Protein backbone atom coordinates (compact mmCIF):
# COMPACT_ATOMS: atom_id res chain seq x y z
CA UNK A 1 0.00 0.00 0.00
CA UNK A 2 1.30 3.47 -0.87
CA UNK A 3 1.99 5.72 2.09
CA UNK A 4 0.41 9.21 2.09
CA UNK A 5 2.84 11.87 0.83
CA UNK A 6 2.73 13.86 4.07
CA UNK A 7 3.82 10.78 6.05
CA UNK A 8 5.94 8.74 3.65
CA UNK A 9 9.61 9.67 3.27
CA UNK A 10 10.87 9.85 -0.31
CA UNK A 11 14.15 8.37 -1.48
CA UNK A 12 16.67 10.69 -3.07
CA UNK A 13 20.12 10.53 -4.56
CA UNK A 14 21.65 9.98 -1.11
CA UNK A 15 20.22 6.48 -1.13
CA UNK A 16 22.23 5.57 -4.22
CA UNK A 17 25.45 7.36 -3.39
CA UNK A 18 28.63 5.69 -2.18
CA UNK A 19 28.35 4.50 1.45
CA UNK A 20 30.06 6.52 4.11
CA UNK A 21 32.90 4.87 6.06
CA UNK A 22 31.70 2.55 8.81
CA UNK A 23 32.68 3.57 12.33
CA UNK A 24 35.11 1.32 14.18
CA UNK A 25 33.78 -1.23 16.66
CA UNK A 26 34.70 0.67 19.78
CA UNK A 27 32.95 3.81 18.56
CA UNK A 28 29.89 1.75 17.62
CA UNK A 29 29.68 0.26 21.07
CA UNK A 30 29.97 3.60 22.85
CA UNK A 31 27.99 6.08 20.71
CA UNK A 32 27.50 9.16 21.95
CA UNK A 33 28.68 10.90 18.79
CA UNK A 34 28.62 14.70 18.95
CA UNK A 35 29.46 17.22 16.27
CA UNK A 36 28.37 20.65 15.16
CA UNK A 37 26.87 23.23 17.53
CA UNK A 38 25.20 26.07 15.69
CA UNK A 39 21.57 25.18 14.93
CA UNK A 40 20.62 23.20 18.00
CA UNK A 41 21.11 19.79 19.57
CA UNK A 42 19.54 16.63 18.15
CA UNK A 43 19.34 13.18 19.76
CA UNK A 44 19.43 10.39 17.16
CA UNK A 45 18.29 6.94 18.37
CA UNK A 46 18.77 3.83 16.21
CA UNK A 47 19.85 0.28 16.97
CA UNK A 48 22.07 0.38 13.86
CA UNK A 49 25.18 2.39 14.90
CA UNK A 50 26.18 3.08 11.31
CA UNK A 51 22.76 4.62 10.65
CA UNK A 52 23.36 6.94 13.62
CA UNK A 53 26.78 7.88 12.28
CA UNK A 54 25.53 8.58 8.75
CA UNK A 55 22.66 10.77 9.93
CA UNK A 56 24.92 12.48 12.49
CA UNK A 57 27.43 13.38 9.78
CA UNK A 58 24.70 14.80 7.53
CA UNK A 59 23.19 16.89 10.33
CA UNK A 60 26.61 18.03 11.62
CA UNK A 61 27.32 19.47 8.18
CA UNK A 62 24.15 21.54 8.60
CA UNK A 63 25.45 22.95 11.88
CA UNK A 64 23.57 20.75 14.37
CA UNK A 65 25.14 19.17 17.42
CA UNK A 66 24.17 15.50 17.36
CA UNK A 67 24.09 13.05 20.25
CA UNK A 68 23.71 9.39 19.21
CA UNK A 69 22.29 6.40 21.07
CA UNK A 70 21.75 2.78 20.02
CA UNK A 71 19.12 1.98 22.67
CA UNK A 72 16.11 3.62 24.24
CA UNK A 73 17.64 3.12 27.71
CA UNK A 74 20.77 5.02 26.69
CA UNK A 75 18.64 7.73 25.07
CA UNK A 76 16.71 8.21 28.33
CA UNK A 77 20.02 8.53 30.19
CA UNK A 78 21.19 11.13 27.67
CA UNK A 79 17.99 13.12 28.23
CA UNK A 80 18.88 13.20 31.94
CA UNK A 81 21.99 15.32 31.34
CA UNK A 82 21.65 16.60 27.76
CA UNK A 83 19.24 19.41 26.84
CA UNK A 84 18.25 18.38 23.32
CA UNK A 85 16.02 20.35 20.97
CA UNK A 86 14.66 17.46 18.87
CA UNK A 87 14.71 13.65 18.87
CA UNK A 88 14.96 11.53 15.71
CA UNK A 89 14.27 7.92 16.62
CA UNK A 90 13.84 4.58 14.91
CA UNK A 91 10.40 3.06 15.48
CA UNK A 92 11.30 -0.65 15.62
CA UNK A 93 14.20 -1.68 17.89
CA UNK A 94 15.03 -5.03 19.54
CA UNK A 95 14.16 -4.30 23.18
CA UNK A 96 12.28 -1.06 23.68
CA UNK A 97 10.97 0.73 20.60
CA UNK A 98 10.55 4.32 19.52
CA UNK A 99 6.95 4.52 20.71
CA UNK A 100 8.06 3.72 24.26
CA UNK A 101 10.69 6.46 24.04
CA UNK A 102 8.01 8.79 22.69
CA UNK A 103 5.75 8.02 25.66
CA UNK A 104 8.60 8.81 28.06
CA UNK A 105 9.39 12.08 26.28
CA UNK A 106 5.72 13.09 26.17
CA UNK A 107 5.47 12.59 29.92
CA UNK A 108 8.82 14.01 31.06
CA UNK A 109 9.85 16.43 28.27
CA UNK A 110 6.64 17.43 26.44
CA UNK A 111 8.31 20.42 24.77
CA UNK A 112 10.78 18.25 22.78
CA UNK A 113 9.52 17.38 19.25
CA UNK A 114 9.94 13.74 18.19
CA UNK A 115 10.52 12.67 14.57
CA UNK A 116 10.15 8.97 13.72
CA UNK A 117 12.48 7.33 11.22
CA UNK A 118 11.98 3.65 10.43
CA UNK A 119 12.44 1.00 7.80
CA UNK A 120 9.23 -0.69 8.87
CA UNK A 121 6.74 2.04 8.15
CA UNK A 122 3.07 1.15 7.95
CA UNK A 123 0.00 3.31 7.71
CA UNK A 124 -1.12 2.08 11.15
CA UNK A 125 2.15 2.92 12.89
CA UNK A 126 2.31 6.28 11.13
CA UNK A 127 -1.21 7.17 12.20
CA UNK A 128 -0.49 6.03 15.76
CA UNK A 129 2.64 8.16 16.01
CA UNK A 130 1.11 11.27 14.42
CA UNK A 131 -2.15 11.14 16.36
CA UNK A 132 -0.24 10.83 19.62
CA UNK A 133 1.63 14.04 18.88
CA UNK A 134 4.75 13.07 16.92
CA UNK A 135 6.18 15.98 14.95
CA UNK A 136 6.77 14.02 11.72
CA UNK A 137 7.28 10.53 10.30
CA UNK A 138 9.74 9.31 7.66
CA UNK A 139 10.37 5.92 6.07
CA UNK A 140 14.01 4.86 5.54
CA UNK A 141 15.81 5.93 3.48
CA UNK A 142 14.37 9.43 3.90
CA UNK A 143 14.45 12.40 1.61
CA UNK A 144 17.29 14.15 3.46
CA UNK A 145 16.41 17.55 2.03
CA UNK A 146 12.87 17.22 3.38
CA UNK A 147 14.20 15.83 6.67
CA UNK A 148 16.43 18.90 7.10
CA UNK A 149 13.45 21.20 6.55
CA UNK A 150 11.26 19.32 9.02
CA UNK A 151 14.08 19.26 11.57
CA UNK A 152 14.63 23.01 11.24
CA UNK A 153 10.94 23.62 11.97
CA UNK A 154 11.02 21.23 14.92
CA UNK A 155 14.03 22.96 16.50
CA UNK A 156 12.48 26.37 15.90
CA UNK A 157 9.28 25.22 17.58
CA UNK A 158 11.24 24.00 20.61
CA UNK A 159 13.07 27.29 20.89
CA UNK A 160 9.80 29.16 20.56
CA UNK A 161 8.25 27.10 23.35
CA UNK A 162 11.29 27.65 25.58
CA UNK A 163 11.23 31.37 24.88
CA UNK A 164 7.55 31.56 25.74
CA UNK A 165 8.06 29.49 28.89
CA UNK A 166 10.94 31.74 29.90
CA UNK A 167 8.82 34.81 29.25
CA UNK A 168 5.97 33.43 31.34
CA UNK A 169 8.42 32.60 34.14
CA UNK A 170 9.87 36.11 34.04
CA UNK A 171 6.39 37.59 34.12
CA UNK A 172 5.32 35.42 37.02
CA UNK A 173 8.47 36.10 39.03
CA UNK A 174 8.64 39.76 38.08
CA UNK A 175 5.15 41.21 38.35
CA UNK A 176 2.74 38.36 38.78
CA UNK A 177 2.07 37.71 35.11
CA UNK A 178 1.18 41.26 34.02
CA UNK A 179 3.80 42.81 31.78
CA UNK A 180 3.57 46.17 30.07
CA UNK A 181 5.34 45.83 26.72
CA UNK A 182 7.33 48.76 25.41
CA UNK A 183 10.48 50.83 25.65
CA UNK A 184 9.44 54.23 24.32
CA UNK A 185 9.70 57.33 26.46
CA UNK A 186 5.92 57.53 26.81
CA UNK A 187 5.50 54.07 28.30
CA UNK A 188 8.73 54.33 30.27
CA UNK A 189 7.21 57.23 32.22
CA UNK A 190 4.27 55.01 33.14
CA UNK A 191 6.59 52.24 34.34
CA UNK A 192 8.66 54.70 36.37
CA UNK A 193 5.54 56.02 38.09
CA UNK A 194 4.32 52.50 38.86
CA UNK A 195 7.70 51.63 40.39
CA UNK A 196 7.68 54.84 42.48
CA UNK A 197 4.19 54.46 43.97
CA UNK A 198 3.72 50.67 44.09
CA UNK A 199 3.99 50.53 47.91
CA UNK A 200 2.12 53.75 48.66
CA UNK A 201 -1.34 53.72 50.23
CA UNK A 202 -2.44 56.74 48.16
CA UNK A 203 -5.28 56.45 45.65
CA UNK A 204 -4.31 56.24 41.98
CA UNK A 205 -6.29 57.42 38.94
CA UNK A 206 -5.28 55.84 35.63
CA UNK A 207 -6.44 57.83 32.62
CA UNK A 208 -6.35 56.72 29.00
CA UNK A 209 -8.38 55.82 25.95
CA UNK A 210 -10.22 52.52 25.65
CA UNK A 211 -7.89 49.61 24.91
CA UNK A 212 -4.65 51.25 26.07
CA UNK A 213 -4.12 48.81 28.95
CA UNK A 214 -5.33 50.68 32.04
CA UNK A 215 -6.18 47.51 33.92
CA UNK A 216 -2.73 46.15 33.09
CA UNK A 217 -1.22 49.17 34.87
CA UNK A 218 -3.53 48.62 37.84
CA UNK A 219 -2.50 44.97 38.11
CA UNK A 220 1.17 45.95 37.83
CA UNK A 221 0.67 48.25 40.84
CA UNK A 222 -0.77 45.29 42.71
CA UNK A 223 1.75 42.62 41.78
CA UNK A 224 4.78 44.87 42.30
CA UNK A 225 3.64 45.94 45.77
CA UNK A 226 5.57 44.27 48.58
CA UNK A 227 2.70 44.72 51.04
CA UNK A 228 -0.33 43.94 48.84
CA UNK A 229 0.76 41.44 46.19
CA UNK A 230 -0.39 38.50 48.35
CA UNK A 231 -3.73 40.18 49.03
CA UNK A 232 -6.77 40.22 46.70
CA UNK A 233 -7.07 42.34 43.56
CA UNK A 234 -10.79 43.09 43.28
CA UNK A 235 -11.84 44.55 39.91
CA UNK A 236 -15.21 46.24 39.41
CA UNK A 237 -16.33 47.29 35.92
CA UNK A 238 -18.49 50.30 36.69
CA UNK A 239 -19.73 50.49 33.10
CA UNK A 240 -20.88 46.85 32.95
CA UNK A 241 -22.81 46.46 36.22
CA UNK A 242 -26.40 47.81 36.16
CA UNK A 243 -26.77 50.99 38.19
CA UNK A 244 -29.45 49.49 40.45
CA UNK A 245 -27.06 46.67 41.43
CA UNK A 246 -23.88 48.70 41.84
CA UNK A 247 -24.49 49.72 45.46
CA UNK A 248 -25.04 46.16 46.66
CA UNK A 249 -22.04 45.04 44.57
CA UNK A 250 -19.71 47.53 46.23
CA UNK A 251 -21.01 47.52 49.81
CA UNK A 252 -22.75 44.15 50.15
CA UNK A 253 -26.11 43.44 51.82
CA UNK A 254 -27.72 41.56 54.69
CA UNK A 255 -30.21 38.75 54.35
CA UNK A 256 -33.68 40.20 53.75
CA UNK A 257 -32.39 43.65 52.81
CA UNK A 258 -34.54 43.51 49.66
CA UNK A 259 -36.60 41.04 47.69
CA UNK A 260 -34.33 38.23 46.58
CA UNK A 261 -31.67 38.81 49.25
CA UNK A 262 -31.89 35.30 50.69
CA UNK A 263 -28.35 35.29 52.10
CA UNK A 264 -25.79 37.78 53.31
CA UNK A 265 -23.48 39.15 50.58
CA UNK A 266 -20.00 40.59 51.23
CA UNK A 267 -19.24 43.73 49.24
CA UNK A 268 -16.19 44.32 47.06
CA UNK A 269 -14.47 46.61 49.59
CA UNK A 270 -14.69 43.90 52.25
CA UNK A 271 -13.43 41.29 49.76
CA UNK A 272 -10.29 43.32 49.13
CA UNK A 273 -9.09 42.76 52.74
CA UNK A 274 -5.75 44.53 52.56
CA UNK A 275 -5.46 44.39 48.78
CA UNK A 276 -6.56 46.67 45.94
CA UNK A 277 -10.03 47.66 44.76
CA UNK A 278 -9.89 48.58 41.07
CA UNK A 279 -12.84 50.69 39.88
CA UNK A 280 -12.68 50.45 36.10
CA UNK A 281 -14.38 53.39 34.32
CA UNK A 282 -15.15 55.13 37.61
CA UNK A 283 -16.65 58.06 35.67
CA UNK A 284 -19.74 55.94 35.01
CA UNK A 285 -20.81 55.97 38.68
CA UNK A 286 -24.03 57.82 39.53
CA UNK A 287 -23.75 60.93 41.71
CA UNK A 288 -25.54 59.22 44.62
CA UNK A 289 -23.01 56.40 44.58
CA UNK A 290 -20.16 58.89 44.25
CA UNK A 291 -21.23 60.42 47.57
CA UNK A 292 -21.22 57.01 49.28
CA UNK A 293 -17.84 56.15 47.75
CA UNK A 294 -16.44 59.43 49.09
CA UNK A 295 -17.60 58.53 52.59
CA UNK A 296 -15.96 55.09 52.36
CA UNK A 297 -12.69 56.71 51.31
CA UNK A 298 -12.86 59.21 54.16
CA UNK A 299 -13.96 56.87 56.95
CA UNK A 300 -12.60 53.53 55.68
CA UNK A 301 -15.92 52.02 56.74
CA UNK A 302 -18.82 50.45 54.85
CA UNK A 303 -22.42 49.71 55.73
CA UNK A 304 -24.07 46.74 54.08
CA UNK A 305 -27.55 47.32 52.69
CA UNK A 306 -30.11 46.44 55.34
CA UNK A 307 -27.68 47.03 58.22
CA UNK A 308 -26.65 49.98 60.40
CA UNK A 309 -23.44 48.31 61.47
CA UNK A 310 -20.23 49.94 60.23
CA UNK A 311 -17.50 47.58 59.12
CA UNK A 312 -13.87 48.66 58.96
CA UNK A 313 -12.24 48.01 55.59
CA UNK A 314 -8.59 48.05 54.53
CA UNK A 315 -7.91 48.60 50.83
CA UNK A 316 -6.04 50.73 48.35
CA UNK A 317 -8.20 52.35 45.68
CA UNK A 318 -7.05 52.36 42.06
CA UNK A 319 -9.47 53.83 39.53
CA UNK A 320 -9.45 54.20 35.77
CA UNK A 321 -11.38 56.27 33.25
CA UNK A 322 -11.43 57.04 29.55
CA UNK A 323 -13.20 60.32 30.24
CA UNK A 324 -11.73 63.72 31.08
CA UNK A 325 -12.95 63.86 34.69
CA UNK A 326 -11.99 67.52 35.03
CA UNK A 327 -14.48 68.36 32.30
CA UNK A 328 -17.01 66.03 33.91
CA UNK A 329 -16.57 67.97 37.18
CA UNK A 330 -17.17 71.26 35.35
CA UNK A 331 -20.26 69.79 33.70
CA UNK A 332 -21.60 68.63 37.08
CA UNK A 333 -21.41 64.95 36.24
CA UNK A 334 -18.67 64.08 38.74
CA UNK A 335 -18.14 65.29 42.30
CA UNK A 336 -15.16 67.58 42.66
CA UNK A 337 -14.37 66.39 46.20
CA UNK A 338 -14.37 62.76 45.03
CA UNK A 339 -12.19 63.62 42.06
CA UNK A 340 -9.46 64.96 44.34
CA UNK A 341 -9.80 61.94 46.61
CA UNK A 342 -9.25 59.40 43.85
CA UNK A 343 -6.70 61.48 41.93
CA UNK A 344 -3.91 61.73 44.50
CA UNK A 345 -1.56 60.08 41.99
CA UNK A 346 -2.41 60.34 38.30
CA UNK A 347 -1.05 57.98 35.65
CA UNK A 348 -1.82 58.68 32.02
CA UNK A 349 -1.52 55.70 29.68
CA UNK A 350 -0.54 56.82 26.14
CA UNK A 351 -2.46 55.75 23.07
CA UNK A 352 -0.86 53.37 20.59
CA UNK A 353 -0.48 56.28 18.15
CA UNK A 354 1.75 58.00 20.69
CA UNK A 355 4.03 54.97 21.01
CA UNK A 356 4.23 53.57 17.50
CA UNK A 357 7.83 52.44 18.05
CA UNK A 358 6.53 49.87 20.55
CA UNK A 359 4.34 48.19 17.92
CA UNK A 360 7.07 45.80 16.62
CA UNK A 361 7.70 44.58 20.19
CA UNK A 362 4.01 43.96 20.75
CA UNK A 363 3.51 42.28 17.38
CA UNK A 364 6.46 39.96 18.05
CA UNK A 365 5.15 38.95 21.46
CA UNK A 366 1.55 38.51 20.35
CA UNK A 367 2.69 36.50 17.32
CA UNK A 368 4.75 34.16 19.54
CA UNK A 369 1.82 33.73 21.91
CA UNK A 370 -0.71 32.85 19.22
CA UNK A 371 1.73 30.66 17.28
CA UNK A 372 2.15 28.50 20.36
CA UNK A 373 -1.59 28.38 20.95
CA UNK A 374 -2.38 27.52 17.33
CA UNK A 375 0.66 25.23 16.92
CA UNK A 376 1.90 27.23 13.96
CA UNK A 377 5.17 28.78 12.84
CA UNK A 378 4.62 32.11 11.10
CA UNK A 379 6.63 35.29 10.77
CA UNK A 380 5.58 38.84 9.89
CA UNK A 381 6.90 40.37 6.68
CA UNK A 382 8.67 43.77 7.08
CA UNK A 383 6.12 45.52 4.85
CA UNK A 384 3.33 44.23 7.09
CA UNK A 385 5.10 45.61 10.15
CA UNK A 386 5.40 49.01 8.44
CA UNK A 387 1.69 48.93 7.60
CA UNK A 388 0.84 48.12 11.22
CA UNK A 389 2.97 51.04 12.39
CA UNK A 390 1.27 53.43 9.94
CA UNK A 391 -2.26 52.50 11.00
CA UNK A 392 -4.15 54.85 13.36
CA UNK A 393 -5.31 52.15 15.86
CA UNK A 394 -8.49 53.70 17.29
CA UNK A 395 -8.85 50.61 19.48
CA UNK A 396 -5.25 50.84 20.71
CA UNK A 397 -3.39 47.79 22.10
CA UNK A 398 -6.56 45.71 22.40
CA UNK A 399 -7.24 46.17 18.68
CA UNK A 400 -3.62 45.39 17.77
CA UNK A 401 -3.74 42.16 19.76
CA UNK A 402 -6.98 41.13 18.05
CA UNK A 403 -5.55 41.89 14.59
CA UNK A 404 -2.41 39.83 15.27
CA UNK A 405 -4.54 36.94 16.56
CA UNK A 406 -6.59 37.06 13.36
CA UNK A 407 -3.49 37.13 11.16
CA UNK A 408 -1.94 34.13 12.90
CA UNK A 409 -5.13 32.07 12.92
CA UNK A 410 -5.90 32.73 9.23
CA UNK A 411 -2.31 32.49 7.99
CA UNK A 412 -2.10 29.94 5.16
CA UNK A 413 1.68 29.78 4.92
CA UNK A 414 4.60 30.47 7.21
CA UNK A 415 4.71 34.21 6.50
CA UNK A 416 2.13 36.96 7.00
CA UNK A 417 2.06 39.28 3.98
CA UNK A 418 0.16 42.42 3.00
CA UNK A 419 -2.51 40.28 1.35
CA UNK A 420 -3.37 38.85 4.77
CA UNK A 421 -4.14 42.26 6.31
CA UNK A 422 -7.80 43.22 6.88
CA UNK A 423 -9.44 45.54 4.34
CA UNK A 424 -9.27 48.61 6.57
CA UNK A 425 -5.48 48.66 6.31
CA UNK A 426 -5.48 48.80 2.51
CA UNK A 427 -8.39 51.28 2.58
CA UNK A 428 -6.41 53.48 4.94
CA UNK A 429 -3.45 53.35 2.57
CA UNK A 430 -5.61 54.34 -0.42
CA UNK A 431 -7.14 57.21 1.52
CA UNK A 432 -3.73 58.50 2.59
CA UNK A 433 -2.41 58.40 -0.96
CA UNK A 434 -5.48 60.33 -2.13
CA UNK A 435 -4.61 63.37 0.03
CA UNK A 436 -3.46 66.22 -2.23
CA UNK A 437 -1.12 68.98 -1.00
CA UNK A 438 -3.24 71.47 -2.99
CA UNK A 439 -6.33 70.94 -0.82
CA UNK A 440 -7.50 73.68 1.52
CA UNK A 441 -7.21 73.35 5.28
CA UNK A 442 -11.01 73.01 5.47
CA UNK A 443 -10.93 70.15 2.93
CA UNK A 444 -8.20 68.37 4.87
CA UNK A 445 -10.15 68.79 8.10
CA UNK A 446 -13.30 67.42 6.49
CA UNK A 447 -11.36 64.45 5.12
CA UNK A 448 -9.85 63.75 8.55
CA UNK A 449 -13.31 63.80 10.12
CA UNK A 450 -14.75 61.48 7.45
CA UNK A 451 -11.85 59.03 7.78
CA UNK A 452 -12.18 58.98 11.56
CA UNK A 453 -15.91 58.34 11.29
CA UNK A 454 -15.23 55.50 8.88
CA UNK A 455 -12.63 53.91 11.17
CA UNK A 456 -15.06 54.27 14.10
CA UNK A 457 -17.86 52.72 12.01
CA UNK A 458 -20.00 55.85 12.31
CA UNK A 459 -19.82 56.11 16.11
CA UNK A 460 -19.67 59.88 16.59
CA UNK A 461 -18.88 59.79 20.31
CA UNK A 462 -15.94 57.47 19.66
CA UNK A 463 -14.78 59.61 16.73
CA UNK A 464 -14.83 62.68 18.95
CA UNK A 465 -12.62 60.93 21.52
CA UNK A 466 -10.18 59.81 18.81
CA UNK A 467 -9.93 63.38 17.51
CA UNK A 468 -9.46 64.70 21.06
CA UNK A 469 -12.46 67.05 21.15
CA UNK A 470 -15.74 67.05 23.06
CA UNK A 471 -18.82 65.49 21.53
CA UNK A 472 -20.53 68.88 21.43
CA UNK A 473 -17.61 70.45 19.56
CA UNK A 474 -17.53 67.47 17.20
CA UNK A 475 -21.21 67.88 16.28
CA UNK A 476 -20.60 71.58 15.67
CA UNK A 477 -17.75 70.79 13.29
CA UNK A 478 -19.95 68.28 11.46
CA UNK A 479 -22.53 71.03 10.83
CA UNK A 480 -19.90 73.56 9.79
CA UNK A 481 -18.24 71.11 7.41
CA UNK A 482 -21.55 69.92 5.99
CA UNK A 483 -20.98 66.30 6.96
CA UNK A 484 -24.19 64.36 7.57
């Protein structure tokens, strides 16, 4: 029966070439053979020592360091003190076979890819190996050119997994798994402020547009704090919880306080218990709740609904908003006294437009993350990176992450090209090229407004925020420019 092309190795001219010299008996009895060092380390396992030597010589010429073993037992010993990047193993061997070695590797070293190489290939054994997670399967004698390509991908995958594991370890040890990516001056100021106030008890207000990573900054404050990192981080999305439920969510309630209150409920401030309460989009709170929040901040006490008992609470307040709270205070939508209470320390998170030089770092990290998740190996073409840096990013880092996820998931080959980008990127490019230097300032302003509306899918409030003006001023400009 003919093996499927994606499983069956193909013979090439190497099979008919003159045989390589056979190793002497002493070297055959005591393999490990090691050569090369540049492209990674490969463990070759075969009960035929000359087969190990031939393959080792071929791979050494490619720059690999090769460790050889004639038995599964010896291979397992080698794995105990050798950090190999890939294993190429025969499937059928006298005592213990390649599948047994594969089971050991899967259990003890799951990040090491295994390639099977055997003279006794069958469809059943191929399917068994591949379905259990083998990286690839070849029949002897293999197509060495194809084997080199598969091996290169296997080693690259191992390195990618190690890099991701190392990154996760650094994140966990460094700031609890929440890392702010970037090295520009704008984001460096944010990191410096976080480092300076991480152990303070003062309230922090994080300001920034939607999708810039405000909660990431809040969690960094928590995980970098010596005193509070072991305590709870309690996040409350003030824009997502219905207004009629917000009070009971924050302060808790006693049994029977209202219809449906069949048990006692602890509020978010009590849950924090020495940690951080993060009020996301605090500007959405009603004025009546703002007054109660102010009292909690002043007295460090809460009263559950249905109770007159005051309960002492210990927490640090970190708030965030995408609104200009100073303007909200002037408009009467936010209490001035509360604003000064929550804004002892202010951290402004820059938009992605303000830190375009950080985009390549983010794209690289997001690509690695999604490649591991999707079990793919893709890279980003330089012209794609330039297009990503030119884009306006109204949704900021959150939008960039979603775009990279889409590109990796839908990638058909091993390289993301301009053809893979969503339509809005090419549309943006066409619109930019259509701008004429002979246009009047009014025409350019009208075009900027239209483009922003298009990017924001017609959402005028969002377009106003992107342009940095109030909604009222934005509507006035629409009338003046004759834009419906």
